PDB file of N, CA and C in Angstrom:
ATOM      1  N   MET A   1      11.937  -7.245   8.670  1.00  0.00           N
ATOM      2  CA  MET A   1      11.489  -6.131   9.054  1.00  0.00           C
ATOM      3  C   MET A   1      11.846  -5.566  10.433  1.00  0.00           C
ATOM      4  N   PRO A   2      12.340  -4.519  10.731  1.00  0.00           N
ATOM      5  CA  PRO A   2      12.766  -4.157  12.120  1.00  0.00           C
ATOM      6  C   PRO A   2      11.920  -4.244  13.186  1.00  0.00           C
ATOM      7  N   ASP A   3      10.545  -4.300  12.884  1.00  0.00           N
ATOM      8  CA  ASP A   3       9.457  -4.267  14.076  1.00  0.00           C
ATOM      9  C   ASP A   3       8.655  -5.358  13.857  1.00  0.00           C
ATOM     10  N   GLY A   4       8.900  -6.437  13.120  1.00  0.00           N
ATOM     11  CA  GLY A   4       8.094  -7.701  13.093  1.00  0.00           C
ATOM     12  C   GLY A   4       8.117  -7.880  11.432  1.00  0.00           C
ATOM     13  N   PRO A   5       7.173  -8.953  11.130  1.00  0.00           N
ATOM     14  CA  PRO A   5       6.906  -9.414   9.841  1.00  0.00           C
ATOM     15  C   PRO A   5       6.379  -8.439   8.807  1.00  0.00           C
ATOM     16  N   ALA A   6       6.721  -8.696   7.763  1.00  0.00           N
ATOM     17  CA  ALA A   6       6.078  -7.612   6.619  1.00  0.00           C
ATOM     18  C   ALA A   6       4.558  -7.615   6.788  1.00  0.00           C
ATOM     19  N   LEU A   7       3.962  -6.501   6.306  1.00  0.00           N
ATOM     20  CA  LEU A   7       2.457  -6.285   6.481  1.00  0.00           C
ATOM     21  C   LEU A   7       1.908  -6.941   5.364  1.00  0.00           C
ATOM     22  N   LEU A   8       2.443  -6.979   3.941  1.00  0.00           N
ATOM     23  CA  LEU A   8       2.033  -7.451   2.782  1.00  0.00           C
ATOM     24  C   LEU A   8       2.624  -8.959   2.806  1.00  0.00           C
ATOM     25  N   LYS A   9       1.745  -9.917   2.899  1.00  0.00           N
ATOM     26  CA  LYS A   9       2.121 -11.290   2.916  1.00  0.00           C
ATOM     27  C   LYS A   9       1.978 -11.881   1.424  1.00  0.00           C
ATOM     28  N   THR A  10       1.172 -11.242   0.661  1.00  0.00           N
ATOM     29  CA  THR A  10       1.090 -11.764  -0.856  1.00  0.00           C
ATOM     30  C   THR A  10       1.408 -10.573  -1.803  1.00  0.00           C
ATOM     31  N   ARG A  11       1.485 -11.111  -3.113  1.00  0.00           N
ATOM     32  CA  ARG A  11       1.585  -9.811  -4.223  1.00  0.00           C
ATOM     33  C   ARG A  11       0.373 -10.155  -5.050  1.00  0.00           C
ATOM     34  N   ARG A  12      -0.434  -9.187  -5.050  1.00  0.00           N
ATOM     35  CA  ARG A  12      -1.544  -9.202  -5.957  1.00  0.00           C
ATOM     36  C   ARG A  12      -1.277  -8.411  -7.267  1.00  0.00           C
ATOM     37  N   GLU A  13      -1.827  -8.865  -8.339  1.00  0.00           N
ATOM     38  CA  GLU A  13      -1.742  -7.971  -9.636  1.00  0.00           C
ATOM     39  C   GLU A  13      -3.141  -7.496  -9.766  1.00  0.00           C
ATOM     40  N   MET A  14      -3.113  -6.065  -9.975  1.00  0.00           N
ATOM     41  CA  MET A  14      -4.281  -5.364 -10.456  1.00  0.00           C
ATOM     42  C   MET A  14      -4.191  -4.467 -11.528  1.00  0.00           C
ATOM     43  N   ARG A  15      -5.387  -4.287 -12.382  1.00  0.00           N
ATOM     44  CA  ARG A  15      -5.311  -3.473 -13.129  1.00  0.00           C
ATOM     45  C   ARG A  15      -5.031  -1.911 -12.866  1.00  0.00           C
ATOM     46  N   PHE A  16      -4.326  -1.019 -13.618  1.00  0.00           N
ATOM     47  CA  PHE A  16      -4.113   0.185 -13.196  1.00  0.00           C
ATOM     48  C   PHE A  16      -5.193   0.907 -12.732  1.00  0.00           C
ATOM     49  N   GLU A  17      -6.447   0.700 -13.210  1.00  0.00           N
ATOM     50  CA  GLU A  17      -7.523   1.487 -12.944  1.00  0.00           C
ATOM     51  C   GLU A  17      -7.821   1.328 -11.527  1.00  0.00           C
ATOM     52  N   ALA A  18      -7.971  -0.040 -11.215  1.00  0.00           N
ATOM     53  CA  ALA A  18      -8.080  -0.564  -9.842  1.00  0.00           C
ATOM     54  C   ALA A  18      -7.180  -0.272  -8.917  1.00  0.00           C
ATOM     55  N   ALA A  19      -6.128  -0.072  -9.397  1.00  0.00           N
ATOM     56  CA  ALA A  19      -4.870   0.446  -8.164  1.00  0.00           C
ATOM     57  C   ALA A  19      -4.931   1.849  -7.964  1.00  0.00           C
ATOM     58  N   ALA A  20      -5.262   2.403  -9.040  1.00  0.00           N
ATOM     59  CA  ALA A  20      -5.492   3.963  -8.886  1.00  0.00           C
ATOM     60  C   ALA A  20      -6.732   4.351  -8.036  1.00  0.00           C
ATOM     61  N   SER A  21      -7.873   3.599  -8.327  1.00  0.00           N
ATOM     62  CA  SER A  21      -8.970   3.980  -7.376  1.00  0.00           C
ATOM     63  C   SER A  21      -8.747   3.454  -5.986  1.00  0.00           C
ATOM     64  N   LEU A  22      -8.090   2.438  -5.857  1.00  0.00           N
ATOM     65  CA  LEU A  22      -7.685   1.977  -4.428  1.00  0.00           C
ATOM     66  C   LEU A  22      -6.910   3.173  -3.730  1.00  0.00           C
ATOM     67  N   TRP A  23      -5.792   3.522  -4.453  1.00  0.00           N
ATOM     68  CA  TRP A  23      -4.817   4.487  -4.017  1.00  0.00           C
ATOM     69  C   TRP A  23      -5.708   5.789  -3.545  1.00  0.00           C
ATOM     70  N   PHE A  24      -6.502   6.241  -4.514  1.00  0.00           N
ATOM     71  CA  PHE A  24      -7.263   7.336  -4.044  1.00  0.00           C
ATOM     72  C   PHE A  24      -8.247   7.318  -2.845  1.00  0.00           C
ATOM     73  N   GLN A  25      -8.904   6.041  -2.801  1.00  0.00           N
ATOM     74  CA  GLN A  25      -9.623   5.847  -1.626  1.00  0.00           C
ATOM     75  C   GLN A  25      -8.529   5.684  -0.212  1.00  0.00           C
ATOM     76  N   LEU A  26      -7.622   5.117  -0.336  1.00  0.00           N
ATOM     77  CA  LEU A  26      -6.899   5.124   0.854  1.00  0.00           C
ATOM     78  C   LEU A  26      -6.417   6.602   1.057  1.00  0.00           C
ATOM     79  N   LYS A  27      -6.134   7.319   0.046  1.00  0.00           N
ATOM     80  CA  LYS A  27      -5.827   8.775   0.384  1.00  0.00           C
ATOM     81  C   LYS A  27      -6.816   9.644   1.251  1.00  0.00           C
ATOM     82  N   ARG A  28      -7.984   9.171   0.793  1.00  0.00           N
ATOM     83  CA  ARG A  28      -9.091   9.965   1.481  1.00  0.00           C
ATOM     84  C   ARG A  28      -9.221   9.485   2.913  1.00  0.00           C
ATOM     85  N   LEU A  29      -8.847   8.150   3.179  1.00  0.00           N
ATOM     86  CA  LEU A  29      -8.625   7.862   4.487  1.00  0.00           C
ATOM     87  C   LEU A  29      -7.469   8.335   5.432  1.00  0.00           C
ATOM     88  N   GLY A  30      -6.830   8.945   4.692  1.00  0.00           N
ATOM     89  CA  GLY A  30      -5.589   9.643   5.301  1.00  0.00           C
ATOM     90  C   GLY A  30      -4.171   8.968   5.346  1.00  0.00           C
ATOM     91  N   TRP A  31      -4.230   8.061   4.235  1.00  0.00           N
ATOM     92  CA  TRP A  31      -2.979   7.471   3.951  1.00  0.00           C
ATOM     93  C   TRP A  31      -2.058   8.590   3.206  1.00  0.00           C
ATOM     94  N   THR A  32      -0.604   8.250   3.401  1.00  0.00           N
ATOM     95  CA  THR A  32       0.324   9.200   2.647  1.00  0.00           C
ATOM     96  C   THR A  32       1.329   8.401   2.138  1.00  0.00           C
ATOM     97  N   VAL A  33       2.234   8.678   1.267  1.00  0.00           N
ATOM     98  CA  VAL A  33       3.499   8.162   0.856  1.00  0.00           C
ATOM     99  C   VAL A  33       4.533   8.308   2.027  1.00  0.00           C
ATOM    100  N   ALA A  34       5.126   7.412   2.219  1.00  0.00           N
ATOM    101  CA  ALA A  34       6.257   7.267   3.300  1.00  0.00           C
ATOM    102  C   ALA A  34       7.495   6.643   2.640  1.00  0.00           C
ATOM    103  N   GLU A  35       8.647   7.041   3.439  1.00  0.00           N
ATOM    104  CA  GLU A  35       9.916   6.302   2.992  1.00  0.00           C
ATOM    105  C   GLU A  35       9.650   4.848   3.484  1.00  0.00           C
ATOM    106  N   ALA A  36      10.563   4.146   2.595  1.00  0.00           N
ATOM    107  CA  ALA A  36      10.786   2.632   3.118  1.00  0.00           C
ATOM    108  C   ALA A  36      11.376   2.515   4.517  1.00  0.00           C
ATOM    109  N   ALA A  37      10.763   1.441   5.217  1.00  0.00           N
ATOM    110  CA  ALA A  37      11.247   1.247   6.846  1.00  0.00           C
ATOM    111  C   ALA A  37      12.556   0.492   6.717  1.00  0.00           C
ATOM    112  N   TRP A  38      13.117   0.053   5.658  1.00  0.00           N
ATOM    113  CA  TRP A  38      14.220  -0.901   5.580  1.00  0.00           C
ATOM    114  C   TRP A  38      15.535  -0.037   5.038  1.00  0.00           C
TER     115      TRP A  38
END
């Protein structure tokens, strides 16, 4: 990564419903889709 190590250190497997729920929760907190940094 250009500005330091990757933020994600591990890969977790999640059920689709759990992943969708997490995404909607993060969107409520202001997260958005962004272009890749590399």
